[in-house]
N, C-alpha and C. Protein backbone atom coordinates (compact mmCIF):
# COMPACT_ATOMS: atom_id res chain seq x y z
N MET A 1 97.97 87.35 98.40
CA MET A 1 98.24 88.77 98.24
C MET A 1 96.94 89.49 97.98
N ALA A 2 96.87 90.68 98.46
CA ALA A 2 95.72 91.53 98.19
C ALA A 2 95.59 91.73 96.68
N GLY A 3 94.39 91.89 96.21
CA GLY A 3 94.19 92.09 94.78
C GLY A 3 94.05 90.79 94.01
N GLY A 4 94.05 89.67 94.72
CA GLY A 4 93.82 88.39 94.07
C GLY A 4 95.04 87.73 93.46
N TYR A 5 96.23 88.18 93.78
CA TYR A 5 97.44 87.58 93.23
C TYR A 5 98.21 86.88 94.34
N CYS A 6 98.80 85.77 94.00
CA CYS A 6 99.63 85.02 94.94
C CYS A 6 101.08 85.46 94.77
N LEU A 7 101.79 85.65 95.86
CA LEU A 7 103.19 86.08 95.80
C LEU A 7 104.07 85.04 95.11
N ARG A 8 103.68 83.79 95.17
CA ARG A 8 104.51 82.73 94.60
C ARG A 8 104.35 82.59 93.10
N THR A 9 103.31 83.18 92.52
CA THR A 9 103.05 82.94 91.11
C THR A 9 103.33 84.15 90.23
N LEU A 10 103.78 85.24 90.79
CA LEU A 10 104.05 86.42 89.98
C LEU A 10 105.48 86.42 89.48
N PRO A 11 105.72 86.13 88.22
CA PRO A 11 107.09 86.09 87.73
C PRO A 11 107.70 87.48 87.60
N LYS A 12 106.90 88.47 87.27
CA LYS A 12 107.41 89.81 87.10
C LYS A 12 106.31 90.79 87.50
N LEU A 13 106.66 91.72 88.32
CA LEU A 13 105.69 92.70 88.80
C LEU A 13 105.86 94.01 88.05
N SER A 14 104.80 94.77 87.99
CA SER A 14 104.88 96.09 87.37
C SER A 14 104.72 97.15 88.43
N HIS A 15 104.94 98.38 88.02
CA HIS A 15 104.80 99.50 88.95
C HIS A 15 103.37 99.59 89.49
N ARG A 16 102.40 99.04 88.78
CA ARG A 16 101.01 99.05 89.25
C ARG A 16 100.82 98.17 90.47
N SER A 17 101.71 97.24 90.69
CA SER A 17 101.63 96.33 91.83
C SER A 17 102.12 96.98 93.12
N LEU A 18 102.91 98.02 93.02
CA LEU A 18 103.53 98.60 94.21
C LEU A 18 102.54 99.05 95.28
N PRO A 19 101.45 99.75 94.95
CA PRO A 19 100.53 100.16 96.02
C PRO A 19 99.91 98.97 96.75
N ILE A 20 99.63 97.90 96.03
CA ILE A 20 99.05 96.70 96.65
C ILE A 20 100.07 96.07 97.59
N LEU A 21 101.30 95.92 97.10
CA LEU A 21 102.36 95.33 97.93
C LEU A 21 102.66 96.20 99.14
N ALA A 22 102.68 97.51 98.95
CA ALA A 22 102.97 98.42 100.06
C ALA A 22 101.88 98.35 101.13
N ALA A 23 100.64 98.24 100.72
CA ALA A 23 99.54 98.12 101.68
C ALA A 23 99.63 96.81 102.44
N GLN A 24 99.93 95.74 101.73
CA GLN A 24 100.07 94.45 102.39
C GLN A 24 101.26 94.46 103.35
N ARG A 25 102.34 95.13 102.94
CA ARG A 25 103.52 95.22 103.80
C ARG A 25 103.20 95.96 105.10
N ALA A 26 102.47 97.07 104.97
CA ALA A 26 102.09 97.85 106.15
C ALA A 26 101.23 97.01 107.10
N ASP A 27 100.30 96.26 106.56
CA ASP A 27 99.46 95.39 107.38
C ASP A 27 100.30 94.33 108.09
N ALA A 28 101.18 93.67 107.34
CA ALA A 28 102.01 92.61 107.91
C ALA A 28 102.95 93.17 108.98
N ASP A 29 103.47 94.36 108.76
CA ASP A 29 104.35 94.99 109.74
C ASP A 29 103.59 95.30 111.03
N ALA A 30 102.38 95.81 110.90
CA ALA A 30 101.56 96.11 112.07
C ALA A 30 101.20 94.82 112.82
N LEU A 31 100.88 93.77 112.08
CA LEU A 31 100.56 92.49 112.71
C LEU A 31 101.78 91.91 113.43
N ALA A 32 102.96 92.07 112.84
CA ALA A 32 104.19 91.58 113.48
C ALA A 32 104.45 92.33 114.78
N ALA A 33 104.28 93.64 114.75
CA ALA A 33 104.50 94.44 115.96
C ALA A 33 103.52 94.05 117.06
N ASP A 34 102.27 93.84 116.69
CA ASP A 34 101.26 93.44 117.66
C ASP A 34 101.59 92.07 118.25
N ALA A 35 101.99 91.14 117.39
CA ALA A 35 102.34 89.80 117.87
C ALA A 35 103.54 89.86 118.80
N GLU A 36 104.52 90.69 118.46
CA GLU A 36 105.70 90.84 119.33
C GLU A 36 105.30 91.39 120.70
N ALA A 37 104.41 92.38 120.70
CA ALA A 37 103.97 92.99 121.95
C ALA A 37 103.22 91.99 122.83
N ARG A 38 102.57 91.02 122.21
CA ARG A 38 101.81 90.01 122.95
C ARG A 38 102.67 88.79 123.32
N GLY A 39 103.92 88.79 122.84
CA GLY A 39 104.80 87.67 123.14
C GLY A 39 104.56 86.45 122.26
N TRP A 40 103.93 86.66 121.12
CA TRP A 40 103.64 85.57 120.18
C TRP A 40 104.78 85.49 119.17
N ASP A 41 105.85 84.90 119.58
CA ASP A 41 107.07 84.90 118.78
C ASP A 41 106.92 84.24 117.41
N GLN A 42 106.28 83.08 117.35
CA GLN A 42 106.13 82.40 116.06
C GLN A 42 105.26 83.21 115.10
N GLU A 43 104.21 83.80 115.63
CA GLU A 43 103.33 84.62 114.79
C GLU A 43 104.09 85.85 114.29
N ALA A 44 104.86 86.48 115.16
CA ALA A 44 105.65 87.65 114.77
C ALA A 44 106.66 87.27 113.69
N THR A 45 107.31 86.14 113.85
CA THR A 45 108.29 85.67 112.86
C THR A 45 107.63 85.45 111.51
N ARG A 46 106.45 84.87 111.52
CA ARG A 46 105.73 84.62 110.27
C ARG A 46 105.43 85.93 109.54
N HIS A 47 104.99 86.92 110.29
CA HIS A 47 104.69 88.22 109.67
C HIS A 47 105.96 88.92 109.21
N ARG A 48 107.04 88.80 109.96
CA ARG A 48 108.31 89.42 109.56
C ARG A 48 108.84 88.79 108.28
N ARG A 49 108.66 87.50 108.13
CA ARG A 49 109.09 86.84 106.88
C ARG A 49 108.30 87.37 105.69
N LEU A 50 107.02 87.60 105.90
CA LEU A 50 106.20 88.16 104.83
C LEU A 50 106.67 89.57 104.48
N VAL A 51 106.99 90.37 105.48
CA VAL A 51 107.50 91.72 105.24
C VAL A 51 108.79 91.65 104.42
N GLU A 52 109.68 90.74 104.77
CA GLU A 52 110.94 90.58 104.02
C GLU A 52 110.67 90.19 102.57
N ARG A 53 109.74 89.26 102.37
CA ARG A 53 109.41 88.81 101.01
C ARG A 53 108.79 89.95 100.20
N LEU A 54 107.93 90.72 100.82
CA LEU A 54 107.33 91.86 100.13
C LEU A 54 108.38 92.90 99.78
N ASP A 55 109.32 93.14 100.68
CA ASP A 55 110.43 94.06 100.38
C ASP A 55 111.21 93.58 99.15
N GLN A 56 111.49 92.28 99.11
CA GLN A 56 112.21 91.72 97.96
C GLN A 56 111.42 91.93 96.67
N LEU A 57 110.15 91.64 96.72
CA LEU A 57 109.31 91.81 95.53
C LEU A 57 109.25 93.26 95.07
N MET A 58 109.12 94.17 96.02
CA MET A 58 109.04 95.60 95.65
C MET A 58 110.37 96.08 95.07
N ASN A 59 111.47 95.53 95.55
CA ASN A 59 112.78 95.91 95.01
C ASN A 59 113.02 95.33 93.63
N GLN A 60 112.34 94.24 93.30
CA GLN A 60 112.49 93.61 91.99
C GLN A 60 111.50 94.14 90.96
N THR A 61 110.58 94.96 91.39
CA THR A 61 109.54 95.43 90.49
C THR A 61 110.14 96.20 89.32
N ASP A 62 109.65 95.92 88.15
CA ASP A 62 110.10 96.56 86.92
C ASP A 62 109.39 97.90 86.79
N ILE A 63 110.05 98.97 87.18
CA ILE A 63 109.47 100.31 87.09
C ILE A 63 110.01 100.98 85.84
N GLN A 64 109.11 101.18 84.89
CA GLN A 64 109.51 101.82 83.64
C GLN A 64 108.56 102.92 83.31
C-alpha cells in the first residue's frame, strides 16, 4: 500500500488512511482498465481484486 502500509497488516484504519486508499484505488482502477483494453485478462483481474479489497477497507474505516 502507498504510504508504507501493507493491506494485510492493518487491523483498523482511520479516516487519515482514506486519501491514501483512494489514491491507490484510482491507480488500480486505471491499471485494470488499461489491462482490459489490451486483452490482458489475468492482469485486469488482479487489479480488479485490489480495487474490491480497497473498497472493503474504505467501507470499514473508522470515521469519527
